[in-house]
Amino acid sequence: MTDWIDGGVMAWLGEVRCGEDETVLVYFKGTGLSAMAEGLIAQHRPPFAYGNDAAPGDWGVIVHHMFNPSRDDFDGIDHRPLCPEGAELMVFVPNPCIAKAHGPKAYHYKDGQISSCIDYEGPAYIGEYWPNKMAPLITAAGLDHENENYEKQLTQLICDHLGLPALDRDTITVDRDLMASYI
């Protein structure tokens, strides 16, 4: 299920009152939930929500805010330090700029390096600063950018390709106090 790409994970969970979900969903493998949480806290993006700690070789999930307004920090964070050798991350940013209504972005990291930067508005784009090893997969799928389900279809393609599990509302723990401090 990829319905969360439409408005963000916290909105999908029914936790965002204003509908302005500026959170980031990170799937992680090869590193633990506590290491991810500690790494996000060190970058001043404590996790709002997380799934169960994943077994070795399985994907886990964690959700953090894109920004930290209390620190006047509106820059994205560097996920590379959260992806040590042997680890893999798939980072989804459903609402990268709510004010300008830009489409989602997704980033795949492996062994501390970025392998794909996917801009949903131009997913086949490969540039000097935007590696996209998934571009051939996306191009071959022939998804119709004009289709109203395009974002869900592209997200599902990425999830299927990497073997990412569907999000399960029953296994996600939400820190409502932390979330409320950001809204």
Protein backbone atom coordinates (compact mmCIF):
# COMPACT_ATOMS: atom_id res chain seq x y z
CA MET A 1 0.00 0.00 0.00
CA THR A 2 1.47 3.33 -1.08
CA ASP A 3 -1.36 5.74 -0.21
CA TRP A 4 1.01 7.58 2.14
CA ILE A 5 2.83 9.14 -0.84
CA ASP A 6 -0.22 11.38 -1.48
CA GLY A 7 0.08 13.43 1.68
CA GLY A 8 2.81 11.97 3.86
CA VAL A 9 3.00 9.22 6.44
CA MET A 10 1.73 11.23 9.40
CA ALA A 11 -1.31 12.40 7.42
CA TRP A 12 -1.84 8.79 6.26
CA LEU A 13 -1.79 7.73 9.91
CA GLY A 14 -4.40 10.41 10.66
CA GLU A 15 -2.02 12.29 12.95
CA VAL A 16 -1.68 15.61 11.11
CA ARG A 17 -4.45 18.10 11.82
CA CYS A 18 -3.60 20.68 9.17
CA GLY A 19 -2.83 18.28 6.35
CA GLU A 20 0.62 19.84 5.95
CA ASP A 21 2.72 16.75 6.49
CA GLU A 22 6.36 17.75 6.10
CA THR A 23 7.80 14.45 7.19
CA VAL A 24 10.26 12.04 5.62
CA LEU A 25 9.80 8.27 5.52
CA VAL A 26 13.02 6.27 5.71
CA TYR A 27 13.17 2.56 5.05
CA PHE A 28 16.44 1.13 6.41
CA LYS A 29 18.21 -2.20 6.20
CA GLY A 30 21.58 -3.28 7.57
CA THR A 31 21.40 -0.89 10.51
CA GLY A 32 19.17 -0.85 13.57
CA LEU A 33 16.28 1.28 14.72
CA SER A 34 18.26 2.70 17.65
CA ALA A 35 21.18 3.66 15.38
CA MET A 36 18.76 5.39 13.00
CA ALA A 37 17.03 7.24 15.85
CA GLU A 38 20.35 8.32 17.38
CA GLY A 39 21.64 9.49 13.99
CA LEU A 40 18.50 11.52 13.35
CA ILE A 41 18.62 13.05 16.82
CA ALA A 42 22.27 14.02 16.22
CA GLN A 43 21.10 15.87 13.08
CA HIS A 44 18.29 17.54 15.07
CA ARG A 45 15.52 15.53 13.38
CA PRO A 46 14.22 13.23 16.13
CA PRO A 47 11.86 10.57 14.79
CA PHE A 48 8.10 11.18 15.04
CA ALA A 49 7.25 7.58 14.33
CA TYR A 50 8.87 4.22 13.76
CA GLY A 51 8.03 0.62 13.10
CA ASN A 52 9.26 -2.40 14.99
CA ASP A 53 13.00 -3.02 15.00
CA ALA A 54 13.68 -5.10 11.91
CA ALA A 55 15.38 -8.47 11.92
CA PRO A 56 18.79 -8.58 10.20
CA GLY A 57 18.28 -8.41 6.44
CA ASP A 58 14.75 -6.98 6.76
CA TRP A 59 13.60 -3.43 6.18
CA GLY A 60 12.62 -1.18 9.08
CA VAL A 61 10.86 2.20 8.93
CA ILE A 62 11.31 5.50 10.69
CA VAL A 63 9.67 8.90 10.11
CA HIS A 64 11.25 12.28 10.82
CA HIS A 65 10.50 15.91 10.07
CA MET A 66 12.11 17.53 7.02
CA PHE A 67 12.99 20.66 8.98
CA ASN A 68 13.59 21.86 12.49
CA PRO A 69 11.85 25.24 12.80
CA SER A 70 12.80 25.60 16.47
CA ARG A 71 16.45 25.79 15.35
CA ASP A 72 15.61 27.91 12.28
CA ASP A 73 16.90 24.94 10.27
CA PHE A 74 15.10 24.57 6.98
CA ASP A 75 17.76 22.57 5.15
CA GLY A 76 17.42 18.91 4.37
CA ILE A 77 19.63 16.53 6.30
CA ASP A 78 22.40 14.31 5.01
CA HIS A 79 21.29 10.70 5.25
CA ARG A 80 24.71 9.32 4.24
CA PRO A 81 26.01 9.16 7.83
CA LEU A 82 22.94 7.04 8.68
CA CYS A 83 23.91 4.49 6.04
CA PRO A 84 27.14 2.77 7.11
CA GLU A 85 28.94 0.13 5.05
CA GLY A 86 26.54 -2.78 4.51
CA ALA A 87 23.44 -0.65 5.05
CA GLU A 88 20.81 0.58 2.63
CA LEU A 89 18.24 3.38 2.92
CA MET A 90 15.28 4.36 0.79
CA VAL A 91 14.18 7.88 1.71
CA PHE A 92 10.82 9.22 0.56
CA VAL A 93 9.94 12.92 0.81
CA PRO A 94 6.21 13.04 -0.10
CA ASN A 95 5.84 16.84 0.23
CA PRO A 96 9.23 18.47 -0.43
CA CYS A 97 7.70 21.95 -0.76
CA ILE A 98 4.07 22.25 0.21
CA ALA A 99 3.97 25.97 -0.56
CA LYS A 100 5.05 25.40 -4.18
CA ALA A 101 3.21 22.10 -4.64
CA HIS A 102 6.22 20.17 -5.91
CA GLY A 103 5.92 16.44 -6.42
CA PRO A 104 7.58 13.88 -4.15
CA LYS A 105 11.25 13.02 -4.20
CA ALA A 106 12.98 9.78 -3.27
CA TYR A 107 16.60 8.94 -2.55
CA HIS A 108 18.27 5.53 -2.46
CA TYR A 109 21.48 5.13 -0.44
CA LYS A 110 23.75 2.11 -0.24
CA ASP A 111 26.95 1.79 1.79
CA GLY A 112 26.88 5.49 2.65
CA GLN A 113 26.61 6.63 -0.97
CA ILE A 114 23.62 7.90 -2.87
CA SER A 115 22.73 5.74 -5.86
CA SER A 116 19.45 7.29 -6.99
CA CYS A 117 17.78 10.65 -6.65
CA ILE A 118 14.26 10.38 -8.02
CA ASP A 119 12.28 13.52 -8.69
CA TYR A 120 8.70 12.45 -9.32
CA GLU A 121 8.30 15.36 -11.72
CA GLY A 122 11.16 14.01 -13.89
CA PRO A 123 11.96 10.48 -12.64
CA ALA A 124 14.10 9.42 -15.60
CA TYR A 125 16.43 12.41 -15.20
CA ILE A 126 20.08 11.58 -14.72
CA GLY A 127 22.42 14.47 -14.14
CA GLU A 128 25.87 15.28 -12.91
CA TYR A 129 24.63 15.93 -9.39
CA TRP A 130 21.64 13.61 -9.52
CA PRO A 131 22.67 9.99 -9.96
CA ASN A 132 19.74 7.76 -10.75
CA LYS A 133 20.59 4.09 -11.12
CA MET A 134 16.85 3.35 -11.05
CA ALA A 135 16.21 5.48 -14.16
CA PRO A 136 16.30 2.50 -16.57
CA LEU A 137 13.81 0.62 -14.37
CA ILE A 138 11.50 3.65 -14.23
CA THR A 139 11.79 4.32 -17.97
CA ALA A 140 11.12 0.65 -18.82
CA ALA A 141 7.96 0.68 -16.70
CA GLY A 142 6.45 3.28 -19.03
CA LEU A 143 4.38 4.97 -16.33
CA ASP A 144 2.08 7.72 -17.54
CA HIS A 145 2.98 10.98 -15.76
CA GLU A 146 -0.52 12.30 -16.53
CA ASN A 147 -2.26 9.39 -14.76
CA GLU A 148 -3.89 10.46 -11.48
CA ASN A 149 -2.29 7.44 -9.76
CA TYR A 150 1.18 8.12 -11.16
CA GLU A 151 2.81 8.93 -7.79
CA LYS A 152 1.41 5.76 -6.22
CA GLN A 153 2.47 3.70 -9.24
CA LEU A 154 6.02 5.06 -9.17
CA THR A 155 6.24 4.53 -5.41
CA GLN A 156 4.97 0.97 -5.81
CA LEU A 157 7.53 0.33 -8.57
CA ILE A 158 10.34 1.48 -6.27
CA CYS A 159 8.97 -0.51 -3.32
CA ASP A 160 8.60 -3.67 -5.40
CA HIS A 161 12.07 -3.27 -6.91
CA LEU A 162 13.72 -3.02 -3.47
CA GLY A 163 11.35 -5.42 -1.69
CA LEU A 164 10.11 -2.74 0.72
CA PRO A 165 7.26 -3.88 2.95
CA ALA A 166 3.90 -2.13 2.98
CA LEU A 167 3.42 0.22 5.91
CA ASP A 168 1.17 -1.18 8.62
CA ARG A 169 -0.65 1.30 10.87
CA ASP A 170 -0.77 -1.29 13.65
CA THR A 171 3.01 -1.60 13.90
CA ILE A 172 3.93 2.10 13.80
CA THR A 173 4.53 3.90 17.09
CA VAL A 174 3.91 7.65 17.05
CA ASP A 175 5.45 10.18 19.46
CA ARG A 176 2.46 12.52 19.58
CA ASP A 177 4.09 15.02 21.95
CA LEU A 178 7.09 15.48 19.65
CA MET A 179 4.86 15.74 16.62
CA ALA A 180 2.63 18.32 18.32
CA SER A 181 5.69 20.46 19.07
CA TYR A 182 6.30 20.80 15.32
CA ILE A 183 2.75 21.65 14.24
